[in-house]
C-alpha atoms as a PDB file:
ATOM      1  CA  UNK A   1     136.895 -11.199   2.980  1.00  0.00           C
ATOM      2  CA  UNK A   2     138.413  -8.385   0.921  1.00  0.00           C
ATOM      3  CA  UNK A   3     137.850  -4.965   2.457  1.00  0.00           C
ATOM      4  CA  UNK A   4     137.244  -1.943   0.247  1.00  0.00           C
ATOM      5  CA  UNK A   5     136.110  -3.867  -2.817  1.00  0.00           C
ATOM      6  CA  UNK A   6     138.880  -2.597  -5.092  1.00  0.00           C
ATOM      7  CA  UNK A   7     139.954  -4.855  -7.918  1.00  0.00           C
ATOM      8  CA  UNK A   8     143.602  -4.630  -6.900  1.00  0.00           C
ATOM      9  CA  UNK A   9     142.647  -6.133  -3.536  1.00  0.00           C
ATOM     10  CA  UNK A  10     140.977  -9.017  -5.371  1.00  0.00           C
ATOM     11  CA  UNK A  11     144.178  -9.530  -7.355  1.00  0.00           C
ATOM     12  CA  UNK A  12     146.304  -9.603  -4.209  1.00  0.00           C
ATOM     13  CA  UNK A  13     143.868 -11.988  -2.562  1.00  0.00           C
ATOM     14  CA  UNK A  14     143.985 -14.374  -5.546  1.00  0.00           C
ATOM     15  CA  UNK A  15     147.798 -14.293  -5.661  1.00  0.00           C
ATOM     16  CA  UNK A  16     148.041 -15.047  -1.963  1.00  0.00           C
ATOM     17  CA  UNK A  17     145.464 -17.829  -2.257  1.00  0.00           C
ATOM     18  CA  UNK A  18     147.005 -19.484  -5.328  1.00  0.00           C
ATOM     19  CA  UNK A  19     150.449 -19.441  -3.761  1.00  0.00           C
ATOM     20  CA  UNK A  20     149.057 -20.953  -0.541  1.00  0.00           C
ATOM     21  CA  UNK A  21     150.747 -18.242   1.525  1.00  0.00           C
ATOM     22  CA  UNK A  22     148.032 -18.436   4.194  1.00  0.00           C
ATOM     23  CA  UNK A  23     148.776 -15.250   6.078  1.00  0.00           C
ATOM     24  CA  UNK A  24     145.968 -15.635   8.593  1.00  0.00           C
ATOM     25  CA  UNK A  25     145.790 -12.513  10.775  1.00  0.00           C
ATOM     26  CA  UNK A  26     149.224 -11.241   9.789  1.00  0.00           C
ATOM     27  CA  UNK A  27     149.054  -9.896   6.241  1.00  0.00           C
ATOM     28  CA  UNK A  28     150.287  -6.829   4.346  1.00  0.00           C
ATOM     29  CA  UNK A  29     148.267  -3.689   5.056  1.00  0.00           C
ATOM     30  CA  UNK A  30     149.331  -1.453   2.154  1.00  0.00           C
ATOM     31  CA  UNK A  31     149.490  -1.813  -1.625  1.00  0.00           C
ATOM     32  CA  UNK A  32     153.274  -1.579  -1.393  1.00  0.00           C
ATOM     33  CA  UNK A  33     153.342  -4.462   1.099  1.00  0.00           C
ATOM     34  CA  UNK A  34     151.045  -6.548  -1.083  1.00  0.00           C
ATOM     35  CA  UNK A  35     153.203  -5.849  -4.132  1.00  0.00           C
ATOM     36  CA  UNK A  36     156.398  -6.875  -2.323  1.00  0.00           C
ATOM     37  CA  UNK A  37     154.693 -10.012  -1.016  1.00  0.00           C
ATOM     38  CA  UNK A  38     153.443 -10.900  -4.505  1.00  0.00           C
ATOM     39  CA  UNK A  39     156.926 -10.479  -5.975  1.00  0.00           C
ATOM     40  CA  UNK A  40     158.402 -12.652  -3.231  1.00  0.00           C
ATOM     41  CA  UNK A  41     155.727 -15.305  -3.733  1.00  0.00           C
ATOM     42  CA  UNK A  42     156.308 -15.475  -7.496  1.00  0.00           C
ATOM     43  CA  UNK A  43     160.070 -15.512  -6.999  1.00  0.00           C
ATOM     44  CA  UNK A  44     159.789 -18.340  -4.484  1.00  0.00           C
ATOM     45  CA  UNK A  45     157.515 -20.426  -6.677  1.00  0.00           C
ATOM     46  CA  UNK A  46     159.725 -19.834  -9.721  1.00  0.00           C
ATOM     47  CA  UNK A  47     162.949 -20.696  -7.896  1.00  0.00           C
ATOM     48  CA  UNK A  48     161.486 -23.875  -6.399  1.00  0.00           C
ATOM     49  CA  UNK A  49     160.204 -25.049  -9.776  1.00  0.00           C
ATOM     50  CA  UNK A  50     163.550 -24.220 -11.395  1.00  0.00           C
ATOM     51  CA  UNK A  51     165.500 -26.157  -8.760  1.00  0.00           C
ATOM     52  CA  UNK A  52     163.105 -29.097  -9.013  1.00  0.00           C
ATOM     53  CA  UNK A  53     163.566 -29.194 -12.781  1.00  0.00           C
ATOM     54  CA  UNK A  54     167.354 -28.995 -12.533  1.00  0.00           C
ATOM     55  CA  UNK A  55     167.532 -31.746  -9.939  1.00  0.00           C
ATOM     56  CA  UNK A  56     165.182 -33.961 -11.952  1.00  0.00           C
ATOM     57  CA  UNK A  57     167.222 -33.369 -15.114  1.00  0.00           C
ATOM     58  CA  UNK A  58     170.411 -34.260 -13.267  1.00  0.00           C
ATOM     59  CA  UNK A  59     169.172 -37.538 -11.810  1.00  0.00           C
ATOM     60  CA  UNK A  60     167.081 -38.691 -14.767  1.00  0.00           C
ATOM     61  CA  UNK A  61     169.926 -38.829 -17.294  1.00  0.00           C
ATOM     62  CA  UNK A  62     170.251 -42.267 -18.846  1.00  0.00           C
ATOM     63  CA  UNK A  63     173.569 -43.964 -18.325  1.00  0.00           C
ATOM     64  CA  UNK A  64     174.594 -46.754 -20.675  1.00  0.00           C
ATOM     65  CA  UNK A  65     176.183 -49.653 -18.874  1.00  0.00           C
ATOM     66  CA  UNK A  66     176.535 -51.867 -21.937  1.00  0.00           C
ATOM     67  CA  UNK A  67     179.889 -52.228 -23.641  1.00  0.00           C
ATOM     68  CA  UNK A  68     179.997 -53.398 -27.224  1.00  0.00           C
ATOM     69  CA  UNK A  69     182.446 -56.095 -28.269  1.00  0.00           C
ATOM     70  CA  UNK A  70     185.007 -55.409 -30.962  1.00  0.00           C
ATOM     71  CA  UNK A  71     185.070 -58.982 -32.284  1.00  0.00           C
ATOM     72  CA  UNK A  72     181.860 -61.001 -31.734  1.00  0.00           C
ATOM     73  CA  UNK A  73     182.090 -64.622 -32.877  1.00  0.00           C
ATOM     74  CA  UNK A  74     179.342 -67.026 -33.895  1.00  0.00           C
ATOM     75  CA  UNK A  75     180.436 -70.611 -33.314  1.00  0.00           C
ATOM     76  CA  UNK A  76     179.235 -73.992 -32.109  1.00  0.00           C
ATOM     77  CA  UNK A  77     179.222 -74.444 -28.356  1.00  0.00           C
ATOM     78  CA  UNK A  78     177.894 -77.667 -26.838  1.00  0.00           C
ATOM     79  CA  UNK A  79     176.257 -78.561 -30.134  1.00  0.00           C
ATOM     80  CA  UNK A  80     174.365 -75.263 -30.636  1.00  0.00           C
ATOM     81  CA  UNK A  81     175.182 -72.143 -32.583  1.00  0.00           C
ATOM     82  CA  UNK A  82     176.160 -69.501 -30.053  1.00  0.00           C
ATOM     83  CA  UNK A  83     177.105 -65.836 -30.140  1.00  0.00           C
ATOM     84  CA  UNK A  84     180.325 -65.397 -28.172  1.00  0.00           C
ATOM     85  CA  UNK A  85     181.354 -61.979 -26.952  1.00  0.00           C
ATOM     86  CA  UNK A  86     184.488 -61.175 -24.991  1.00  0.00           C
END
């Protein structure tokens, strides 16, 4: 599917395939157009992965909801030794 058989065309084809751009009939016709498209594809993939990582890091932070008592007491309550925390 790559016309001309130049290795740079194979590189552009692999970049477009790995990024799932799926141009169909509308695709860059020049090396300059392919280069710009490749830069945009890598920038898009990088920015999406960066945003995904930042969002995951934000929402996956552990939050402690346990407060520790200053004065725990061990005493008898209803006939059993019990740890009492206020």
